[in-house]
N, C-alpha and C. Protein backbone atom coordinates (compact mmCIF):
# COMPACT_ATOMS: atom_id res chain seq x y z
N MET A 1 104.64 87.92 106.67
CA MET A 1 105.08 89.20 106.09
C MET A 1 106.09 89.86 107.02
N GLU A 2 107.13 90.38 106.45
CA GLU A 2 108.21 90.99 107.20
C GLU A 2 107.79 92.35 107.76
N GLN A 3 108.14 92.59 109.04
CA GLN A 3 107.86 93.89 109.66
C GLN A 3 108.79 94.94 109.06
N GLN A 4 108.25 96.14 108.87
CA GLN A 4 109.05 97.21 108.28
C GLN A 4 108.89 98.51 109.05
N ASN A 5 109.95 99.29 109.04
CA ASN A 5 109.92 100.67 109.50
C ASN A 5 109.77 101.54 108.28
N HIS A 6 108.99 102.58 108.40
CA HIS A 6 108.74 103.49 107.28
C HIS A 6 109.32 104.86 107.65
N PHE A 7 110.26 105.31 106.84
CA PHE A 7 110.91 106.60 107.06
C PHE A 7 110.42 107.59 106.02
N GLU A 8 110.34 108.85 106.43
CA GLU A 8 110.03 109.91 105.49
C GLU A 8 111.20 110.89 105.49
N PHE A 9 111.51 111.39 104.32
CA PHE A 9 112.58 112.36 104.15
C PHE A 9 111.93 113.73 104.00
N ILE A 10 112.37 114.65 104.82
CA ILE A 10 111.76 115.98 104.91
C ILE A 10 112.72 117.04 104.42
N ASN A 11 112.20 117.98 103.62
CA ASN A 11 112.94 119.18 103.25
C ASN A 11 112.70 120.18 104.39
N SER A 12 113.72 120.44 105.18
CA SER A 12 113.55 121.29 106.36
C SER A 12 113.23 122.74 106.00
N GLN A 13 113.53 123.14 104.78
CA GLN A 13 113.23 124.51 104.35
C GLN A 13 111.73 124.70 104.13
N THR A 14 111.09 123.67 103.59
CA THR A 14 109.66 123.78 103.29
C THR A 14 108.79 123.01 104.28
N GLY A 15 109.38 122.02 104.97
CA GLY A 15 108.61 121.17 105.87
C GLY A 15 107.87 120.06 105.17
N ASN A 16 108.06 119.92 103.86
CA ASN A 16 107.36 118.89 103.08
C ASN A 16 108.13 117.59 103.05
N ALA A 17 107.39 116.48 103.09
CA ALA A 17 108.00 115.17 102.86
C ALA A 17 108.27 115.04 101.36
N ILE A 18 109.49 114.66 101.01
CA ILE A 18 109.82 114.56 99.59
C ILE A 18 110.05 113.12 99.15
N CYS A 19 110.10 112.19 100.11
CA CYS A 19 110.32 110.79 99.76
C CYS A 19 110.01 109.91 100.96
N TYR A 20 109.68 108.66 100.69
CA TYR A 20 109.44 107.67 101.73
C TYR A 20 110.30 106.45 101.44
N LEU A 21 110.74 105.77 102.49
CA LEU A 21 111.56 104.57 102.35
C LEU A 21 111.15 103.57 103.42
N SER A 22 110.91 102.34 103.01
CA SER A 22 110.58 101.26 103.94
C SER A 22 111.76 100.32 104.03
N VAL A 23 112.11 99.95 105.26
CA VAL A 23 113.22 99.02 105.51
C VAL A 23 112.79 98.00 106.55
N PRO A 24 113.35 96.79 106.50
CA PRO A 24 113.01 95.77 107.49
C PRO A 24 113.38 96.22 108.91
N THR A 25 112.56 95.88 109.87
CA THR A 25 112.83 96.29 111.26
C THR A 25 114.05 95.59 111.84
N ASP A 26 114.40 94.42 111.32
CA ASP A 26 115.55 93.69 111.86
C ASP A 26 116.86 94.05 111.16
N LEU A 27 116.86 95.09 110.36
CA LEU A 27 118.07 95.53 109.67
C LEU A 27 119.06 96.06 110.71
N PRO A 28 120.32 95.60 110.67
CA PRO A 28 121.32 96.10 111.62
C PRO A 28 121.49 97.62 111.51
N TYR A 29 121.82 98.26 112.63
CA TYR A 29 121.92 99.71 112.69
C TYR A 29 122.85 100.28 111.62
N GLN A 30 124.03 99.66 111.45
CA GLN A 30 125.00 100.15 110.46
C GLN A 30 124.40 100.14 109.06
N GLU A 31 123.71 99.05 108.74
CA GLU A 31 123.10 98.91 107.41
C GLU A 31 121.96 99.92 107.22
N LEU A 32 121.19 100.14 108.27
CA LEU A 32 120.11 101.13 108.22
C LEU A 32 120.68 102.51 107.93
N GLN A 33 121.73 102.90 108.64
CA GLN A 33 122.35 104.20 108.42
C GLN A 33 122.85 104.35 106.98
N LYS A 34 123.44 103.30 106.45
CA LYS A 34 123.93 103.34 105.06
C LYS A 34 122.78 103.56 104.09
N LYS A 35 121.67 102.85 104.28
CA LYS A 35 120.53 102.98 103.38
C LYS A 35 119.93 104.39 103.45
N LEU A 36 119.80 104.92 104.67
CA LEU A 36 119.23 106.25 104.84
C LEU A 36 120.14 107.32 104.23
N GLU A 37 121.44 107.20 104.45
CA GLU A 37 122.38 108.17 103.88
C GLU A 37 122.42 108.08 102.36
N LYS A 38 122.34 106.87 101.83
CA LYS A 38 122.34 106.70 100.38
C LYS A 38 121.11 107.35 99.76
N LYS A 39 119.95 107.15 100.38
CA LYS A 39 118.71 107.74 99.86
C LYS A 39 118.78 109.26 99.94
N ARG A 40 119.33 109.79 101.05
CA ARG A 40 119.45 111.25 101.18
C ARG A 40 120.37 111.80 100.09
N ALA A 41 121.47 111.11 99.81
CA ALA A 41 122.40 111.55 98.76
C ALA A 41 121.70 111.56 97.40
N GLU A 42 120.87 110.56 97.13
CA GLU A 42 120.11 110.53 95.87
C GLU A 42 119.17 111.73 95.78
N LEU A 43 118.48 112.01 96.88
CA LEU A 43 117.53 113.13 96.89
C LEU A 43 118.24 114.46 96.69
N VAL A 44 119.40 114.61 97.33
CA VAL A 44 120.19 115.83 97.18
C VAL A 44 120.57 116.04 95.72
N ALA A 45 121.07 114.98 95.09
CA ALA A 45 121.49 115.08 93.69
C ALA A 45 120.32 115.33 92.75
N ASN A 46 119.23 114.60 92.95
CA ASN A 46 118.07 114.71 92.05
C ASN A 46 117.31 116.02 92.21
N ASN A 47 117.31 116.58 93.41
CA ASN A 47 116.54 117.80 93.67
C ASN A 47 117.40 119.06 93.78
N LYS A 48 118.71 118.88 93.62
CA LYS A 48 119.66 120.00 93.68
C LYS A 48 119.50 120.81 94.98
N LEU A 49 119.53 120.08 96.10
CA LEU A 49 119.40 120.69 97.41
C LEU A 49 120.69 120.49 98.21
N TYR A 50 120.88 121.31 99.23
CA TYR A 50 121.98 121.10 100.16
C TYR A 50 121.65 119.91 101.05
N VAL A 51 122.65 119.11 101.33
CA VAL A 51 122.44 117.91 102.14
C VAL A 51 121.89 118.27 103.53
N GLU A 52 122.25 119.43 104.06
CA GLU A 52 121.79 119.84 105.39
C GLU A 52 120.28 120.13 105.42
N LEU A 53 119.68 120.32 104.26
CA LEU A 53 118.25 120.63 104.21
C LEU A 53 117.36 119.40 104.35
N ILE A 54 117.94 118.21 104.14
CA ILE A 54 117.12 117.00 104.16
C ILE A 54 117.42 116.18 105.41
N TYR A 55 116.38 115.82 106.13
CA TYR A 55 116.53 114.92 107.26
C TYR A 55 115.46 113.84 107.16
N TRP A 56 115.64 112.77 107.91
CA TRP A 56 114.66 111.69 107.90
C TRP A 56 114.12 111.48 109.30
N GLN A 57 112.95 110.91 109.35
CA GLN A 57 112.31 110.55 110.62
C GLN A 57 111.41 109.36 110.36
N LEU A 58 111.11 108.63 111.42
CA LEU A 58 110.14 107.54 111.28
C LEU A 58 108.79 108.16 110.94
N GLU A 59 108.13 107.60 109.99
CA GLU A 59 106.83 108.13 109.57
C GLU A 59 105.88 108.10 110.76
N GLY A 60 105.24 109.22 111.01
CA GLY A 60 104.30 109.33 112.12
C GLY A 60 104.93 109.76 113.42
N HIS A 61 106.25 109.90 113.48
CA HIS A 61 106.96 110.37 114.66
C HIS A 61 107.52 111.76 114.40
N VAL A 62 106.65 112.72 114.35
CA VAL A 62 107.01 114.08 113.97
C VAL A 62 107.94 114.70 115.02
N ILE A 63 109.04 115.28 114.53
CA ILE A 63 110.00 115.93 115.43
C ILE A 63 110.16 117.41 115.12
N ARG A 64 109.21 117.97 114.39
CA ARG A 64 109.30 119.39 114.03
C ARG A 64 109.09 120.27 115.20
């Protein structure tokens, strides 16, 4: 089974996780950034939020 990193997308205004994304741990950095930015753009469009309100972090690595 492939190792994965699990990211959570947080609405910084409310502090709530609004989405989770799992990606392979061996994914190149450039590709990882593209996937994370794409998911954030989807969340912004679907939830009608400002892009600055959403950030991601590794699940379980709280940076609040």
